[in-house]
C-alpha atoms as a PDB file:
ATOM      1  CA  MET A   1       5.274   4.520   9.890  1.00  0.00           C
ATOM      2  CA  GLY A   2       8.414   6.238   8.405  1.00  0.00           C
ATOM      3  CA  LYS A   3       9.534   9.722   7.086  1.00  0.00           C
ATOM      4  CA  ILE A   4       9.361  11.337   3.956  1.00  0.00           C
ATOM      5  CA  LYS A   5      11.294  14.628   3.691  1.00  0.00           C
ATOM      6  CA  GLY A   6       8.551  17.494   3.054  1.00  0.00           C
ATOM      7  CA  PHE A   7       5.542  15.784   4.835  1.00  0.00           C
ATOM      8  CA  LYS A   8       5.014  16.173   8.356  1.00  0.00           C
ATOM      9  CA  ILE A   9       3.227  12.591   9.254  1.00  0.00           C
ATOM     10  CA  PRO A  10       1.679  12.128  12.652  1.00  0.00           C
ATOM     11  CA  GLU A  11       3.054  10.372  15.314  1.00  0.00           C
ATOM     12  CA  GLU A  12      -0.544   9.283  16.850  1.00  0.00           C
ATOM     13  CA  LYS A  13      -2.091   7.000  14.856  1.00  0.00           C
ATOM     14  CA  ALA A  14      -5.932   6.653  14.635  1.00  0.00           C
ATOM     15  CA  THR A  15      -7.744   3.375  13.747  1.00  0.00           C
ATOM     16  CA  LEU A  16     -10.530   2.197  11.483  1.00  0.00           C
ATOM     17  CA  GLU A  17     -13.917   1.343  13.392  1.00  0.00           C
ATOM     18  CA  ASN A  18     -13.018  -2.148  12.869  1.00  0.00           C
ATOM     19  CA  GLU A  19     -11.012  -4.082  10.690  1.00  0.00           C
ATOM     20  CA  SER A  20     -13.792  -5.079   8.042  1.00  0.00           C
ATOM     21  CA  SER A  21     -13.702  -1.219   7.314  1.00  0.00           C
ATOM     22  CA  ALA A  22     -12.095  -0.124   3.873  1.00  0.00           C
ATOM     23  CA  VAL A  23      -8.847   1.453   3.802  1.00  0.00           C
ATOM     24  CA  VAL A  24      -6.607   3.384   1.323  1.00  0.00           C
ATOM     25  CA  ALA A  25      -2.739   2.354   1.698  1.00  0.00           C
ATOM     26  CA  VAL A  26      -0.060   4.790   0.338  1.00  0.00           C
ATOM     27  CA  THR A  27       3.344   4.178   0.275  1.00  0.00           C
ATOM     28  CA  ILE A  28       6.184   6.502  -0.906  1.00  0.00           C
ATOM     29  CA  ALA A  29       9.982   5.383  -1.207  1.00  0.00           C
ATOM     30  CA  ARG A  30      13.116   7.452  -2.256  1.00  0.00           C
ATOM     31  CA  MET A  31      15.296   5.007  -3.481  1.00  0.00           C
ATOM     32  CA  LYS A  32      19.278   4.352  -3.023  1.00  0.00           C
ATOM     33  CA  PRO A  33      20.687   4.586  -6.398  1.00  0.00           C
ATOM     34  CA  PHE A  34      22.491   1.406  -6.656  1.00  0.00           C
ATOM     35  CA  ALA A  35      19.549  -0.440  -4.513  1.00  0.00           C
ATOM     36  CA  ILE A  36      16.919   0.300  -7.361  1.00  0.00           C
ATOM     37  CA  PRO A  37      17.789  -3.393  -9.148  1.00  0.00           C
ATOM     38  CA  ARG A  38      17.698  -5.085  -5.990  1.00  0.00           C
ATOM     39  CA  PHE A  39      14.474  -3.338  -5.416  1.00  0.00           C
ATOM     40  CA  LEU A  40      13.024  -4.182  -8.355  1.00  0.00           C
ATOM     41  CA  LYS A  41      13.283  -7.855  -7.931  1.00  0.00           C
ATOM     42  CA  TRP A  42      11.848  -7.984  -4.497  1.00  0.00           C
ATOM     43  CA  GLY A  43       9.427  -5.347  -5.352  1.00  0.00           C
ATOM     44  CA  ARG A  44       7.685  -6.395  -8.403  1.00  0.00           C
ATOM     45  CA  PRO A  45       6.488 -10.036  -6.505  1.00  0.00           C
ATOM     46  CA  VAL A  46       4.814  -7.829  -4.215  1.00  0.00           C
ATOM     47  CA  GLU A  47       3.342  -5.366  -6.771  1.00  0.00           C
ATOM     48  CA  LYS A  48       1.297  -8.644  -8.314  1.00  0.00           C
ATOM     49  CA  LEU A  49       0.512 -10.184  -5.246  1.00  0.00           C
ATOM     50  CA  VAL A  50      -1.280  -6.524  -4.716  1.00  0.00           C
ATOM     51  CA  ARG A  51      -2.438  -6.024  -8.169  1.00  0.00           C
ATOM     52  CA  ASP A  52      -4.492  -9.904  -8.435  1.00  0.00           C
ATOM     53  CA  HIS A  53      -5.278  -9.791  -4.532  1.00  0.00           C
ATOM     54  CA  SER A  54      -9.164 -10.606  -4.172  1.00  0.00           C
ATOM     55  CA  GLY A  55      -9.142  -7.843  -0.989  1.00  0.00           C
ATOM     56  CA  THR A  56      -7.940  -5.216  -3.493  1.00  0.00           C
ATOM     57  CA  LEU A  57     -10.132  -2.586  -5.293  1.00  0.00           C
ATOM     58  CA  LEU A  58      -7.673  -0.781  -6.875  1.00  0.00           C
ATOM     59  CA  SER A  59      -4.292  -0.426  -7.020  1.00  0.00           C
ATOM     60  CA  LEU A  60      -1.017   1.788  -8.524  1.00  0.00           C
ATOM     61  CA  ALA A  61       1.967   1.813  -8.791  1.00  0.00           C
ATOM     62  CA  SER A  62       4.155   5.029  -9.949  1.00  0.00           C
ATOM     63  CA  ILE A  63       7.809   6.161 -11.009  1.00  0.00           C
ATOM     64  CA  LYS A  64       9.188   9.423 -10.752  1.00  0.00           C
ATOM     65  CA  PHE A  65      12.915   9.314 -12.594  1.00  0.00           C
ATOM     66  CA  PRO A  66      15.228   8.909 -10.883  1.00  0.00           C
ATOM     67  CA  ASN A  67      14.847   7.045  -7.595  1.00  0.00           C
ATOM     68  CA  THR A  68      10.787   7.961  -6.192  1.00  0.00           C
ATOM     69  CA  VAL A  69       8.484   5.175  -5.963  1.00  0.00           C
ATOM     70  CA  SER A  70       4.938   5.272  -4.592  1.00  0.00           C
ATOM     71  CA  THR A  71       1.633   2.929  -4.592  1.00  0.00           C
ATOM     72  CA  PHE A  72      -1.676   3.332  -3.932  1.00  0.00           C
ATOM     73  CA  SER A  73      -4.558   0.652  -2.903  1.00  0.00           C
ATOM     74  CA  ILE A  74      -8.003   0.469  -2.267  1.00  0.00           C
ATOM     75  CA  TRP A  75      -8.500  -2.527   0.295  1.00  0.00           C
ATOM     76  CA  LYS A  76     -11.763  -4.267   0.798  1.00  0.00           C
ATOM     77  CA  THR A  77     -10.747  -4.535   4.649  1.00  0.00           C
ATOM     78  CA  GLU A  78      -7.940  -3.156   6.693  1.00  0.00           C
ATOM     79  CA  LYS A  79      -7.963  -7.153   7.739  1.00  0.00           C
ATOM     80  CA  GLU A  80      -6.989  -8.885   3.904  1.00  0.00           C
ATOM     81  CA  MET A  81      -4.699  -6.316   3.802  1.00  0.00           C
ATOM     82  CA  THR A  82      -2.858  -6.734   6.949  1.00  0.00           C
ATOM     83  CA  SER A  83      -3.216 -10.685   6.276  1.00  0.00           C
ATOM     84  CA  MET A  84      -1.412  -9.674   3.268  1.00  0.00           C
ATOM     85  CA  VAL A  85       0.864  -7.668   4.369  1.00  0.00           C
ATOM     86  CA  HIS A  86       2.075 -10.466   6.790  1.00  0.00           C
ATOM     87  CA  GLY A  87       1.793 -13.626   3.997  1.00  0.00           C
ATOM     88  CA  HIS A  88      -1.302 -14.971   5.590  1.00  0.00           C
ATOM     89  CA  SER A  89      -3.686 -14.288   2.778  1.00  0.00           C
ATOM     90  CA  ASN A  90      -5.564 -17.083   0.551  1.00  0.00           C
ATOM     91  CA  MET A  91      -3.345 -16.499  -2.775  1.00  0.00           C
ATOM     92  CA  PRO A  92      -0.256 -17.688  -4.383  1.00  0.00           C
ATOM     93  CA  LYS A  93       3.093 -17.402  -3.078  1.00  0.00           C
ATOM     94  CA  PRO A  94       1.519 -15.626  -0.007  1.00  0.00           C
ATOM     95  CA  LYS A  95       5.096 -14.560   1.247  1.00  0.00           C
ATOM     96  CA  ARG A  96       6.116 -12.162  -0.807  1.00  0.00           C
ATOM     97  CA  HIS A  97       5.320  -8.924   0.759  1.00  0.00           C
ATOM     98  CA  SER A  98       6.397 -10.274   4.462  1.00  0.00           C
ATOM     99  CA  ASN A  99      10.009 -11.633   2.525  1.00  0.00           C
ATOM    100  CA  ALA A 100      10.343  -8.136   0.817  1.00  0.00           C
ATOM    101  CA  MET A 101       9.965  -6.683   4.367  1.00  0.00           C
ATOM    102  CA  LYS A 102      12.764  -8.930   5.281  1.00  0.00           C
ATOM    103  CA  GLU A 103      14.769  -8.115   2.989  1.00  0.00           C
ATOM    104  CA  ARG A 104      14.334  -4.606   3.388  1.00  0.00           C
ATOM    105  CA  ASP A 105      14.914  -5.268   7.329  1.00  0.00           C
ATOM    106  CA  ARG A 106      18.524  -6.962   6.274  1.00  0.00           C
ATOM    107  CA  LYS A 107      19.678  -4.279   3.759  1.00  0.00           C
ATOM    108  CA  ASP A 108      17.484  -0.854   3.359  1.00  0.00           C
ATOM    109  CA  PHE A 109      16.670  -0.312  -0.644  1.00  0.00           C
ATOM    110  CA  HIS A 110      15.409   3.407   0.399  1.00  0.00           C
ATOM    111  CA  PHE A 111      16.814   6.382   1.782  1.00  0.00           C
ATOM    112  CA  GLU A 112      13.443   7.294   2.670  1.00  0.00           C
ATOM    113  CA  PHE A 113      10.245   5.434   3.220  1.00  0.00           C
ATOM    114  CA  THR A 114       6.473   5.835   4.687  1.00  0.00           C
ATOM    115  CA  THR A 115       3.911   3.688   4.217  1.00  0.00           C
ATOM    116  CA  LEU A 116       0.297   5.610   5.157  1.00  0.00           C
ATOM    117  CA  ARG A 117      -3.287   4.114   5.797  1.00  0.00           C
ATOM    118  CA  PHE A 118      -6.442   6.406   5.032  1.00  0.00           C
ATOM    119  CA  LYS A 119      -9.725   5.760   6.203  1.00  0.00           C
ATOM    120  CA  PRO A 120     -12.052   6.466   2.682  1.00  0.00           C
ATOM    121  CA  ILE A 121     -14.216   9.232   3.438  1.00  0.00           C
ATOM    122  CA  SER A 122     -15.165  10.113   0.144  1.00  0.00           C
ATOM    123  CA  GLU A 123     -14.746   9.344  -3.596  1.00  0.00           C
ATOM    124  CA  PHE A 124     -14.617  11.248  -6.653  1.00  0.00           C
ATOM    125  CA  GLY A 125     -14.047  10.438 -10.428  1.00  0.00           C
ATOM    126  CA  GLU A 126     -13.176   7.639 -12.159  1.00  0.00           C
ATOM    127  CA  TRP A 127     -10.448   5.468 -13.389  1.00  0.00           C
ATOM    128  CA  LYS A 128      -9.919   3.724 -16.463  1.00  0.00           C
ATOM    129  CA  GLY A 129     -13.739   4.081 -16.701  1.00  0.00           C
ATOM    130  CA  GLN A 130     -14.427   2.841 -13.125  1.00  0.00           C
ATOM    131  CA  GLN A 131     -16.138   4.545 -10.515  1.00  0.00           C
ATOM    132  CA  ASN A 132     -17.389   3.761  -7.216  1.00  0.00           C
ATOM    133  CA  PHE A 133     -14.961   1.683  -5.822  1.00  0.00           C
ATOM    134  CA  ILE A 134     -15.397   2.050  -1.967  1.00  0.00           C
ATOM    135  CA  PRO A 135     -18.967   0.645  -1.237  1.00  0.00           C
ATOM    136  CA  THR A 136     -21.700   3.673  -0.763  1.00  0.00           C
ATOM    137  CA  ALA A 137     -22.394   1.792   2.609  1.00  0.00           C
ATOM    138  CA  GLN A 138     -18.536   2.232   3.790  1.00  0.00           C
ATOM    139  CA  LEU A 139     -18.479   5.558   2.702  1.00  0.00           C
ATOM    140  CA  ASN A 140     -21.921   6.813   4.679  1.00  0.00           C
ATOM    141  CA  LYS A 141     -20.474   5.738   7.582  1.00  0.00           C
ATOM    142  CA  PHE A 142     -17.404   8.218   7.694  1.00  0.00           C
ATOM    143  CA  ARG A 143     -20.021  10.896   6.739  1.00  0.00           C
END
């Protein structure tokens, strides 16, 4: 969903085998400079929701100064991720993401934005001493 200059994003959507499969989510946003403070106001609560969510295996956010923001998250299941997106998770203040999306629809923060979902097919390396974020059984299904 969305467009980012320099990336060719397929029009067709692939689907996971079922909503109980692990999923990787990536967002890339190029902010309107004067919208950055408003984005931070709405985005920080969402970042905390994703970080603390029981369905998240790993979540990271990055900024490339002055106006590019990206997130990367690995979810236990697609269902847990989509439930969070729509405000239906069993977390404190579960509507943080859906409320931020409504605010974005009201007045966009970005001049370019995309959100992508991927099937995890393998995992290499480690992050902060941790590895094997995705259960081996999940990865073996894709080989």
